[in-house]
N, C-alpha and C. Protein backbone atom coordinates (compact mmCIF):
# COMPACT_ATOMS: atom_id res chain seq x y z
N UNK A 1 149.83 86.23 89.38
CA UNK A 1 150.47 86.70 90.80
C UNK A 1 150.22 88.69 90.48
N UNK A 2 149.62 88.97 89.36
CA UNK A 2 149.83 90.16 88.94
C UNK A 2 148.24 90.30 89.23
N UNK A 3 147.43 89.30 88.82
CA UNK A 3 145.94 89.88 89.05
C UNK A 3 145.52 90.22 90.22
N UNK A 4 146.22 89.49 90.88
CA UNK A 4 145.98 89.36 92.50
C UNK A 4 145.53 90.90 93.12
N UNK A 5 146.76 91.68 92.80
CA UNK A 5 146.88 93.50 93.44
C UNK A 5 146.06 94.10 93.07
N UNK A 6 145.24 94.01 91.87
CA UNK A 6 144.39 95.14 91.53
C UNK A 6 143.11 94.89 92.87
N UNK A 7 142.22 93.69 92.65
CA UNK A 7 141.38 93.50 93.75
C UNK A 7 141.87 94.00 95.32
N UNK A 8 143.05 93.64 95.90
CA UNK A 8 143.85 93.82 97.16
C UNK A 8 144.07 95.30 97.18
N UNK A 9 144.92 96.42 96.73
CA UNK A 9 144.28 97.39 96.35
C UNK A 9 143.15 97.71 96.64
N UNK A 10 141.85 97.28 95.19
CA UNK A 10 140.76 97.93 96.20
C UNK A 10 140.29 98.03 97.81
N UNK A 11 140.29 96.61 98.29
CA UNK A 11 139.92 96.46 99.35
C UNK A 11 140.49 97.46 100.09
N UNK A 12 142.03 97.81 100.05
CA UNK A 12 143.00 98.83 101.01
C UNK A 12 142.06 100.18 101.13
N UNK A 13 142.46 100.53 99.95
CA UNK A 13 141.50 101.88 99.62
C UNK A 13 140.26 101.53 100.02
N UNK A 14 139.00 100.41 100.01
CA UNK A 14 137.79 100.83 100.93
C UNK A 14 137.78 100.61 102.30
N UNK A 15 138.52 99.98 102.50
CA UNK A 15 139.25 99.89 104.39
C UNK A 15 139.99 101.22 104.89
N UNK A 16 140.20 102.17 104.13
CA UNK A 16 141.27 102.89 104.03
C UNK A 16 140.04 104.78 104.33
N UNK A 17 138.98 104.50 103.36
CA UNK A 17 138.17 105.44 103.05
C UNK A 17 136.77 105.12 104.16
N UNK A 18 137.29 103.99 104.78
CA UNK A 18 135.85 103.50 106.01
C UNK A 18 136.69 104.24 107.30
N UNK A 19 137.72 104.06 106.96
CA UNK A 19 138.63 104.09 108.63
C UNK A 19 138.40 106.10 107.98
N UNK A 20 138.88 106.86 107.20
CA UNK A 20 139.30 108.03 107.39
C UNK A 20 137.63 108.34 107.48
N UNK A 21 136.84 108.49 106.57
CA UNK A 21 135.67 108.65 106.42
C UNK A 21 134.91 108.77 108.07
N UNK A 22 134.79 107.65 108.60
CA UNK A 22 134.55 106.85 110.35
C UNK A 22 134.70 108.17 110.80
N UNK A 23 135.96 108.52 110.65
CA UNK A 23 136.95 109.18 111.66
C UNK A 23 136.48 110.95 111.54
N UNK A 24 136.06 111.04 110.43
CA UNK A 24 135.48 112.28 110.33
C UNK A 24 134.01 112.49 110.57
N UNK A 25 133.46 111.62 110.57
CA UNK A 25 131.94 111.44 111.09
C UNK A 25 132.21 111.58 112.48
N UNK A 26 132.89 111.06 112.99
CA UNK A 26 132.62 111.00 114.69
C UNK A 26 132.89 112.38 115.41
N UNK A 27 133.97 112.86 114.20
CA UNK A 27 135.17 114.00 115.11
C UNK A 27 133.85 115.67 114.66
N UNK A 28 133.15 115.31 113.33
CA UNK A 28 132.19 116.82 113.12
C UNK A 28 131.16 116.07 113.74
N UNK A 29 130.83 114.96 114.45
CA UNK A 29 129.36 114.42 115.17
C UNK A 29 129.53 115.47 116.54
N UNK A 30 130.79 114.85 117.03
CA UNK A 30 130.91 115.44 118.24
C UNK A 30 130.82 116.68 118.40
N UNK A 31 131.16 117.73 117.49
CA UNK A 31 130.65 118.75 117.66
C UNK A 31 129.86 119.75 117.75
N UNK A 32 128.92 118.66 117.77
CA UNK A 32 127.04 119.19 117.99
C UNK A 32 126.91 118.75 119.39
N UNK A 33 127.51 118.23 120.25
CA UNK A 33 127.79 117.75 121.16
C UNK A 33 126.77 116.24 121.81
N UNK A 34 127.38 115.65 122.65
CA UNK A 34 126.93 114.25 122.62
C UNK A 34 125.68 114.39 123.74
N UNK A 35 125.61 115.32 124.99
CA UNK A 35 124.72 114.91 125.34
C UNK A 35 124.20 116.21 125.79
N UNK A 36 123.11 116.46 125.96
CA UNK A 36 121.75 117.59 126.03
C UNK A 36 120.97 116.99 127.38
N UNK A 37 120.33 118.42 128.09
CA UNK A 37 119.71 118.16 129.66
C UNK A 37 118.70 117.61 129.24
N UNK A 38 117.94 117.04 128.04
CA UNK A 38 116.82 115.90 128.15
C UNK A 38 117.81 114.49 128.00
N UNK A 39 119.35 114.25 128.01
CA UNK A 39 119.66 112.61 127.52
C UNK A 39 120.86 112.73 126.38
N UNK A 40 120.67 112.52 125.33
CA UNK A 40 121.30 112.31 124.31
C UNK A 40 121.79 113.81 123.18
N UNK A 41 122.89 114.27 123.22
CA UNK A 41 122.79 115.16 122.31
C UNK A 41 122.92 114.67 121.08
N UNK A 42 122.37 115.91 119.69
CA UNK A 42 122.62 115.67 118.46
C UNK A 42 123.38 115.39 117.91
N UNK A 43 125.01 115.11 118.48
CA UNK A 43 125.72 114.43 117.75
C UNK A 43 126.73 113.47 118.40
N UNK A 44 125.44 112.69 119.41
CA UNK A 44 125.90 111.21 119.63
C UNK A 44 125.74 110.39 118.76
N UNK A 45 124.28 109.91 118.03
CA UNK A 45 124.31 109.00 117.00
C UNK A 45 125.46 108.78 115.81
N UNK A 46 126.08 110.03 115.48
CA UNK A 46 126.59 110.27 114.43
C UNK A 46 128.20 110.06 114.78
N UNK A 47 128.52 110.59 116.21
CA UNK A 47 129.73 109.95 116.65
C UNK A 47 129.70 108.79 116.63
N UNK A 48 129.02 107.91 117.71
CA UNK A 48 128.95 106.63 117.21
C UNK A 48 128.97 105.49 115.96
N UNK A 49 127.73 106.24 115.45
CA UNK A 49 128.07 105.66 113.83
C UNK A 49 129.34 105.71 113.17
N UNK A 50 130.58 107.39 113.34
CA UNK A 50 131.44 107.27 112.57
C UNK A 50 132.69 106.38 113.26
N UNK A 51 132.59 106.57 114.65
CA UNK A 51 133.32 105.40 115.38
C UNK A 51 133.59 103.85 115.00
N UNK A 52 131.94 103.68 115.19
CA UNK A 52 131.94 101.94 114.37
C UNK A 52 132.38 102.06 112.66
N UNK A 53 132.57 102.57 111.86
CA UNK A 53 132.99 102.93 110.84
C UNK A 53 134.38 102.74 110.52
N UNK A 54 134.77 103.62 111.43
CA UNK A 54 136.01 103.70 110.93
C UNK A 54 136.57 102.10 111.80
N UNK A 55 136.31 101.61 113.10
CA UNK A 55 136.62 100.65 113.81
C UNK A 55 136.71 99.32 112.56
N UNK A 56 135.16 99.66 111.74
CA UNK A 56 135.18 98.12 110.69
C UNK A 56 136.15 97.96 109.81
N UNK A 57 136.79 99.72 109.26
CA UNK A 57 137.74 99.77 108.23
C UNK A 57 139.10 99.44 109.10
N UNK A 58 139.49 100.08 110.48
CA UNK A 58 140.56 99.07 110.86
C UNK A 58 140.26 97.82 110.90
N UNK A 59 139.50 96.89 111.36
CA UNK A 59 139.47 95.81 111.72
C UNK A 59 139.74 94.62 109.72
N UNK A 60 139.24 95.97 109.11
CA UNK A 60 139.14 95.04 107.78
C UNK A 60 140.49 95.59 107.58
N UNK A 61 140.93 96.21 107.69
CA UNK A 61 143.07 96.39 107.33
C UNK A 61 143.66 95.68 107.73
N UNK A 62 143.36 95.37 109.41
CA UNK A 62 144.15 94.36 110.15
C UNK A 62 144.25 92.91 109.25
N UNK A 63 142.38 92.76 109.10
CA UNK A 63 142.19 91.46 108.09
C UNK A 63 143.16 91.07 106.91
N UNK A 64 142.99 92.27 106.24
CA UNK A 64 144.30 92.32 104.49
C UNK A 64 145.23 92.02 105.02
N UNK A 65 146.07 92.65 106.46
CA UNK A 65 147.06 92.78 106.20
C UNK A 65 147.90 91.14 106.98
N UNK A 66 146.51 90.78 107.77
CA UNK A 66 146.74 89.34 108.12
C UNK A 66 146.65 88.00 107.09
N UNK A 67 146.49 88.79 106.24
CA UNK A 67 145.67 87.44 105.11
C UNK A 67 147.25 87.74 104.12
N UNK A 68 147.62 88.75 104.40
CA UNK A 68 148.88 89.13 103.10
C UNK A 68 149.94 87.52 103.81
N UNK A 69 149.84 88.05 105.18
CA UNK A 69 151.55 87.29 105.91
C UNK A 69 151.08 85.87 105.11
N UNK A 70 149.83 85.95 105.90
CA UNK A 70 149.95 84.15 105.00
C UNK A 70 149.83 83.55 103.75
N UNK A 71 149.44 84.69 103.06
CA UNK A 71 150.08 84.39 101.59
C UNK A 71 150.92 84.79 100.78
N UNK A 72 152.36 85.63 102.09
CA UNK A 72 153.42 85.37 101.44
C UNK A 72 154.46 84.07 102.51
N UNK A 73 153.53 83.64 103.17
CA UNK A 73 154.19 82.63 103.82
C UNK A 73 153.95 81.47 102.93
N UNK A 74 153.21 81.45 101.81
CA UNK A 74 152.98 80.45 101.28
C UNK A 74 154.33 80.51 100.18
N UNK A 75 154.48 79.17 99.57
CA UNK A 75 155.46 79.09 98.63
C UNK A 75 155.14 79.41 97.09
N UNK A 76 155.61 80.35 96.42
CA UNK A 76 155.39 80.58 95.16
C UNK A 76 155.85 79.87 94.21
N UNK A 77 155.17 79.85 92.90
CA UNK A 77 156.01 79.52 91.34
C UNK A 77 155.62 79.43 90.53
N UNK A 78 156.16 80.50 89.74
CA UNK A 78 155.66 81.46 88.54
C UNK A 78 154.43 82.10 89.24
N UNK A 79 153.65 82.36 88.56
CA UNK A 79 152.41 83.09 88.65
C UNK A 79 151.51 82.48 89.67
N UNK A 80 151.67 81.47 89.81
CA UNK A 80 150.23 80.34 90.50
C UNK A 80 150.90 80.57 92.26
N UNK A 81 149.76 80.70 92.66
CA UNK A 81 149.50 80.60 94.15
C UNK A 81 149.51 79.02 94.42
N UNK A 82 150.93 78.36 95.31
CA UNK A 82 150.21 76.92 95.86
C UNK A 82 150.41 77.20 97.50
N UNK A 83 149.21 76.01 97.84
CA UNK A 83 149.34 75.78 99.73
C UNK A 83 148.52 76.76 99.86
N UNK A 84 147.62 77.89 99.51
CA UNK A 84 146.84 78.13 100.13
C UNK A 84 145.93 77.80 100.66
N UNK A 85 145.66 78.27 102.11
CA UNK A 85 144.25 77.49 102.68
C UNK A 85 142.91 77.93 101.75
N UNK A 86 142.02 77.16 102.31
CA UNK A 86 140.68 76.97 101.24
C UNK A 86 140.17 78.50 101.17
N UNK A 87 139.78 78.89 102.49
CA UNK A 87 139.42 80.42 102.89
C UNK A 87 139.56 81.33 102.02
N UNK A 88 141.42 81.14 101.80
CA UNK A 88 142.37 82.21 101.14
C UNK A 88 141.93 81.58 99.67
N UNK A 89 140.94 82.12 98.30
CA UNK A 89 140.49 81.82 97.28
C UNK A 89 141.42 82.94 96.11
N UNK A 90 141.75 83.10 95.79
CA UNK A 90 142.58 84.05 94.67
C UNK A 90 141.84 85.04 94.65
N UNK A 91 140.53 85.38 94.48
CA UNK A 91 139.86 86.50 94.44
C UNK A 91 139.56 86.74 95.85
N UNK A 92 139.72 88.19 95.71
CA UNK A 92 139.30 88.50 97.02
C UNK A 92 137.95 88.75 97.77
N UNK A 93 136.95 89.05 98.81
CA UNK A 93 136.05 88.70 99.44
C UNK A 93 134.89 89.83 98.19
N UNK A 94 135.89 91.12 98.26
CA UNK A 94 135.34 92.24 97.97
C UNK A 94 135.11 92.18 96.38
N UNK A 95 136.19 91.11 95.78
CA UNK A 95 135.21 90.63 94.33
C UNK A 95 134.55 90.20 94.06
N UNK A 96 134.38 89.46 95.21
CA UNK A 96 133.76 87.62 94.56
C UNK A 96 132.55 88.54 94.61
N UNK A 97 132.17 89.48 96.09
CA UNK A 97 131.25 90.31 96.28
C UNK A 97 130.43 91.11 95.22
N UNK A 98 131.06 91.42 94.69
CA UNK A 98 130.43 92.54 93.08
C UNK A 98 130.35 91.81 92.11
N UNK A 99 131.09 90.86 91.82
CA UNK A 99 131.04 90.10 90.73
C UNK A 99 130.12 89.53 90.46
N UNK A 100 129.07 89.08 89.48
CA UNK A 100 128.32 89.33 89.43
C UNK A 100 127.80 87.54 88.40
N UNK A 101 128.95 87.55 87.40
CA UNK A 101 129.56 86.04 86.73
C UNK A 101 129.09 85.23 88.28
N UNK A 102 129.23 84.88 88.91
CA UNK A 102 128.82 83.99 89.81
C UNK A 102 127.57 83.82 90.47
N UNK A 103 126.88 84.18 90.47
CA UNK A 103 125.39 84.26 90.69
C UNK A 103 125.23 83.39 89.21
N UNK A 104 124.12 81.86 89.87
CA UNK A 104 123.98 80.46 89.35
C UNK A 104 122.35 81.35 88.96
N UNK A 105 121.29 82.00 89.52
CA UNK A 105 120.15 82.34 89.07
C UNK A 105 119.76 83.51 88.88
N UNK A 106 119.71 83.85 87.69
CA UNK A 106 118.89 85.61 87.40
C UNK A 106 118.21 85.89 89.20
N UNK A 107 117.98 87.16 89.20
CA UNK A 107 117.67 87.77 90.01
C UNK A 107 116.36 88.31 89.75
N UNK A 108 115.32 87.93 90.09
CA UNK A 108 113.69 88.11 89.94
C UNK A 108 113.61 90.05 90.70
N UNK A 109 113.10 90.31 89.42
CA UNK A 109 112.79 91.89 89.47
C UNK A 109 111.59 92.51 90.67
N UNK A 110 110.66 91.34 91.33
CA UNK A 110 109.93 91.30 91.99
C UNK A 110 109.87 90.31 92.43
N UNK A 111 109.38 90.43 94.25
CA UNK A 111 109.15 89.78 95.09
C UNK A 111 107.96 88.14 94.35
N UNK A 112 108.66 87.52 94.65
CA UNK A 112 107.41 86.48 94.45
C UNK A 112 106.07 86.10 95.44
N UNK A 113 105.11 85.46 95.48
CA UNK A 113 104.18 85.29 96.37
C UNK A 113 104.61 85.72 98.06
N UNK A 114 105.77 83.77 97.85
CA UNK A 114 106.69 84.21 99.64
C UNK A 114 106.40 85.66 99.47
N UNK A 115 107.14 86.39 99.29
CA UNK A 115 108.27 87.38 99.11
C UNK A 115 107.68 88.78 99.46
N UNK A 116 106.24 89.03 98.76
CA UNK A 116 105.00 89.78 99.54
C UNK A 116 104.46 89.46 100.02
N UNK A 117 104.31 88.28 101.19
CA UNK A 117 103.95 87.86 102.06
C UNK A 117 104.64 88.08 103.14
N UNK A 118 106.09 88.00 103.00
CA UNK A 118 107.03 88.83 104.19
C UNK A 118 106.93 90.03 103.80
N UNK A 119 106.73 90.91 103.10
CA UNK A 119 106.91 92.41 102.86
C UNK A 119 105.10 92.64 103.95
N UNK A 120 104.01 91.54 103.69
CA UNK A 120 103.16 92.22 103.65
C UNK A 120 103.37 92.33 105.54
N UNK A 121 103.44 91.18 105.74
CA UNK A 121 103.69 91.47 107.59
C UNK A 121 104.45 92.25 108.18
N UNK A 122 105.66 92.10 106.73
CA UNK A 122 107.00 93.14 108.09
C UNK A 122 105.97 94.57 108.11
N UNK A 123 105.91 95.07 107.00
CA UNK A 123 104.66 96.65 107.13
C UNK A 123 103.62 96.58 107.46
N UNK A 124 102.52 95.39 108.04
CA UNK A 124 101.53 95.21 108.59
C UNK A 124 102.02 95.49 110.77
N UNK A 125 103.44 94.54 110.13
CA UNK A 125 103.83 94.83 111.87
C UNK A 125 104.25 96.18 112.17
N UNK A 126 104.83 96.73 110.95
CA UNK A 126 105.34 97.89 111.82
C UNK A 126 104.00 99.06 112.08
N UNK A 127 103.09 99.30 110.96
CA UNK A 127 102.16 99.52 111.12
C UNK A 127 100.94 99.34 112.30
N UNK A 128 101.18 98.46 112.96
CA UNK A 128 100.30 97.81 114.17
C UNK A 128 101.30 98.78 115.40
N UNK A 129 102.57 98.66 115.08
CA UNK A 129 103.55 98.51 115.87
C UNK A 129 103.44 100.31 116.25
N UNK A 130 103.02 101.04 115.30
CA UNK A 130 103.03 103.15 115.39
C UNK A 130 102.13 103.06 116.27
N UNK A 131 101.16 102.11 115.78
CA UNK A 131 99.32 102.29 115.88
C UNK A 131 99.45 102.14 117.67
N UNK A 132 100.09 100.54 117.99
CA UNK A 132 99.17 100.27 119.36
C UNK A 132 100.64 100.80 120.50
N UNK A 133 101.99 101.28 119.45
CA UNK A 133 102.87 102.25 120.64
C UNK A 133 102.05 102.70 121.45
N UNK A 134 101.25 104.21 121.73
CA UNK A 134 100.94 104.94 122.94
C UNK A 134 99.73 104.03 123.47
N UNK A 135 99.52 103.15 123.12
CA UNK A 135 98.40 102.32 124.38
C UNK A 135 99.30 101.01 125.10
N UNK A 136 99.93 100.35 124.02
CA UNK A 136 100.57 99.08 124.90
C UNK A 136 102.11 99.38 125.63
N UNK A 137 103.15 100.82 125.38
CA UNK A 137 104.21 100.96 125.49
C UNK A 137 105.56 100.71 124.67
N UNK A 138 106.06 101.19 124.91
CA UNK A 138 107.46 100.57 123.85
C UNK A 138 107.42 98.48 124.11
N UNK A 139 107.91 98.74 125.47
CA UNK A 139 108.26 97.33 125.57
C UNK A 139 107.96 96.15 125.28
N UNK A 140 106.29 96.41 125.48
CA UNK A 140 105.76 95.42 124.84
C UNK A 140 105.38 95.46 123.38
N UNK A 141 105.03 96.64 123.08
CA UNK A 141 104.79 96.69 121.21
C UNK A 141 106.47 95.79 120.34
N UNK A 142 107.42 96.51 121.11
CA UNK A 142 108.70 95.81 120.11
C UNK A 142 108.43 94.72 120.45
N UNK A 143 108.61 94.38 121.59
CA UNK A 143 108.38 92.83 121.86
C UNK A 143 107.49 91.64 120.59
N UNK A 144 106.71 92.47 120.85
CA UNK A 144 105.58 92.02 119.64
C UNK A 144 105.01 91.66 118.34
N UNK A 145 106.17 93.15 117.87
CA UNK A 145 106.53 93.35 116.88
C UNK A 145 108.04 92.38 116.33
N UNK A 146 108.92 92.12 116.94
CA UNK A 146 110.19 91.58 116.68
C UNK A 146 110.04 90.03 116.26
N UNK A 147 109.57 89.52 117.54
CA UNK A 147 108.61 88.43 118.07
C UNK A 147 107.58 87.97 116.79
N UNK A 148 106.67 88.51 116.05
CA UNK A 148 105.85 88.37 114.80
C UNK A 148 107.28 88.52 113.18
N UNK A 149 107.63 89.29 113.74
CA UNK A 149 108.85 88.81 112.41
C UNK A 149 109.69 87.79 112.28
N UNK A 150 110.21 87.37 113.13
CA UNK A 150 111.01 86.98 113.22
C UNK A 150 110.42 85.70 113.36
N UNK A 151 109.38 85.28 113.83
CA UNK A 151 107.99 83.84 113.63
C UNK A 151 107.82 83.66 112.03
N UNK A 152 106.84 84.58 111.22
CA UNK A 152 106.52 84.45 110.43
C UNK A 152 107.59 85.22 109.37
N UNK A 153 108.35 86.18 109.65
CA UNK A 153 108.95 86.02 108.09
C UNK A 153 110.37 85.18 107.88
N UNK A 154 111.16 84.84 109.62
CA UNK A 154 111.93 83.92 108.90
C UNK A 154 111.98 82.90 109.77
N UNK A 155 111.26 82.80 109.84
CA UNK A 155 110.48 81.52 110.15
C UNK A 155 111.40 80.53 111.13
N UNK A 156 111.82 81.26 112.58
CA UNK A 156 112.20 80.60 113.75
C UNK A 156 111.35 80.46 114.64
N UNK A 157 111.54 79.10 115.39
CA UNK A 157 111.29 78.40 116.24
C UNK A 157 110.64 79.68 117.05
N UNK A 158 109.38 78.99 117.44
CA UNK A 158 108.60 80.18 118.88
C UNK A 158 109.08 80.56 120.18
N UNK A 159 109.72 79.96 120.84
CA UNK A 159 110.60 79.95 121.82
C UNK A 159 111.82 80.85 121.62
N UNK A 160 112.41 80.61 120.25
CA UNK A 160 113.18 81.44 120.12
C UNK A 160 112.86 82.70 119.61
N UNK A 161 111.73 82.78 118.65
CA UNK A 161 111.39 84.22 118.47
C UNK A 161 111.32 85.06 119.85
N UNK A 162 110.37 84.33 120.43
CA UNK A 162 109.94 85.36 121.95
C UNK A 162 110.90 85.11 123.02
N UNK A 163 111.90 84.54 122.89
CA UNK A 163 113.75 84.73 123.61
C UNK A 163 113.91 86.18 122.91
N UNK A 164 114.65 86.07 121.69
CA UNK A 164 114.93 87.03 120.98
C UNK A 164 114.44 88.23 121.30
N UNK A 165 112.87 88.09 120.99
CA UNK A 165 112.17 89.61 121.26
C UNK A 165 112.35 89.73 122.60
N UNK A 166 111.37 88.95 123.88
CA UNK A 166 111.92 89.91 125.07
C UNK A 166 113.76 90.71 125.11
N UNK A 167 114.40 89.66 124.79
CA UNK A 167 116.08 89.86 125.06
C UNK A 167 116.56 91.21 124.21
N UNK A 168 115.91 91.66 122.77
CA UNK A 168 115.92 92.68 122.15
C UNK A 168 115.26 93.92 122.61
N UNK A 169 114.58 93.76 123.01
CA UNK A 169 112.97 95.13 123.59
C UNK A 169 113.72 95.61 125.01
N UNK A 170 114.21 94.16 125.82
CA UNK A 170 114.72 94.92 127.40
C UNK A 170 115.91 95.47 127.24
N UNK A 171 117.32 95.23 126.64
CA UNK A 171 118.69 95.84 125.92
C UNK A 171 118.39 96.71 125.55
N UNK A 172 117.19 96.83 124.16
CA UNK A 172 117.21 97.98 124.03
C UNK A 172 116.38 99.49 125.03
N UNK A 173 115.76 98.80 125.72
CA UNK A 173 114.78 99.59 126.77
C UNK A 173 116.70 100.12 127.92
N UNK A 174 117.24 99.25 127.40
CA UNK A 174 118.48 99.36 129.04
C UNK A 174 119.42 100.52 128.28
N UNK A 175 119.66 100.28 127.09
CA UNK A 175 120.13 101.07 126.09
C UNK A 175 119.83 102.76 126.34
N UNK A 176 118.84 102.90 125.72
CA UNK A 176 118.41 104.18 125.66
C UNK A 176 117.37 104.52 126.97
N UNK A 177 117.30 104.24 128.00
CA UNK A 177 116.23 104.63 129.07
C UNK A 177 117.02 104.84 129.89
N UNK A 178 118.45 103.97 130.43
CA UNK A 178 119.12 104.08 131.56
C UNK A 178 120.48 104.28 131.22
N UNK A 179 120.98 104.01 130.43
CA UNK A 179 122.24 105.05 129.81
C UNK A 179 122.34 106.24 129.03
N UNK A 180 121.57 106.09 127.95
CA UNK A 180 121.11 107.48 127.28
C UNK A 180 120.42 108.46 127.91
N UNK A 181 119.13 108.17 128.73
CA UNK A 181 118.41 108.85 129.67
C UNK A 181 117.40 109.87 128.77
N UNK A 182 117.06 108.45 127.69
CA UNK A 182 115.96 109.26 126.65
C UNK A 182 114.53 108.93 127.19
N UNK A 183 113.81 108.75 127.06
CA UNK A 183 111.84 108.60 127.53
C UNK A 183 110.97 107.81 126.79
N UNK A 184 111.53 106.53 126.83
CA UNK A 184 110.37 105.80 125.94
C UNK A 184 109.13 105.75 126.04
N UNK A 185 108.75 105.86 125.57
CA UNK A 185 106.95 105.56 125.18
C UNK A 185 106.47 104.80 126.35
N UNK A 186 105.62 104.92 127.56
CA UNK A 186 104.60 104.17 128.28
C UNK A 186 103.07 103.32 128.09
N UNK A 187 103.04 102.67 128.50
CA UNK A 187 101.47 101.97 127.82
C UNK A 187 101.30 103.35 128.75
N UNK A 188 99.13 103.47 128.14
CA UNK A 188 98.46 104.15 128.75
C UNK A 188 97.22 103.02 129.75
N UNK A 189 97.63 102.58 129.41
CA UNK A 189 96.41 100.82 130.38
C UNK A 189 96.71 100.90 131.19
N UNK A 190 96.26 101.04 132.53
CA UNK A 190 97.06 101.00 134.16
C UNK A 190 97.20 100.06 134.59
N UNK A 191 96.50 98.77 134.17
CA UNK A 191 97.60 97.51 134.31
C UNK A 191 98.64 97.49 133.92
N UNK A 192 98.92 97.58 132.50
CA UNK A 192 100.78 98.15 131.94
C UNK A 192 101.54 98.72 132.62
N UNK A 193 100.96 99.95 132.76
CA UNK A 193 101.40 100.98 133.47
C UNK A 193 102.20 101.16 134.52
N UNK A 194 101.46 100.63 135.69
CA UNK A 194 101.99 99.85 136.84
C UNK A 194 102.96 98.42 136.86
N UNK A 195 103.02 98.01 135.93
CA UNK A 195 103.83 96.99 135.80
C UNK A 195 105.73 97.45 135.03
N UNK A 196 105.22 98.81 134.86
CA UNK A 196 106.01 99.34 134.78
C UNK A 196 106.76 99.67 132.79
N UNK A 197 105.81 99.10 132.00
CA UNK A 197 105.74 98.77 130.83
C UNK A 197 104.81 100.12 130.38
């Protein structure tokens, strides 16, 4: 049972550090101002990131507390833990993630041919998106870029790629244009500009 204390203590320390660091980041970010005359202030994104980090730390701590209660309720005989559910292994998730001995295959230093093709597709999609943004506008370019990456890199079905790409582009436009008041690039082609793109 003693070998379980070090990994659990490490997880508690990381969760506490995430909570404290995120809270500090949110407080410092809020000092820069959340809003501005043009919309979003300089401190909005650091504050949001800090709050998310702090929330992640709190949720991690709650998960650790819940797993501690579950393992404490299990009968213990000697130095072995019995009757634990399958998802409560003797090693914590963090230790299993950091443990290199669990890997069955050695990691390649460079991508294989398919990996290079994926890197090329992503790089080309980002480059084309940057070049086409003034011409086609944010919504159409973001939809095409996400759809391309989902279809060619993630190997998703075409209709799923299109649905997720359109939904993500519209959701991000809602967040930035409507809620945050940030102006996104619009299309310079008259037909697309007339459609609000």
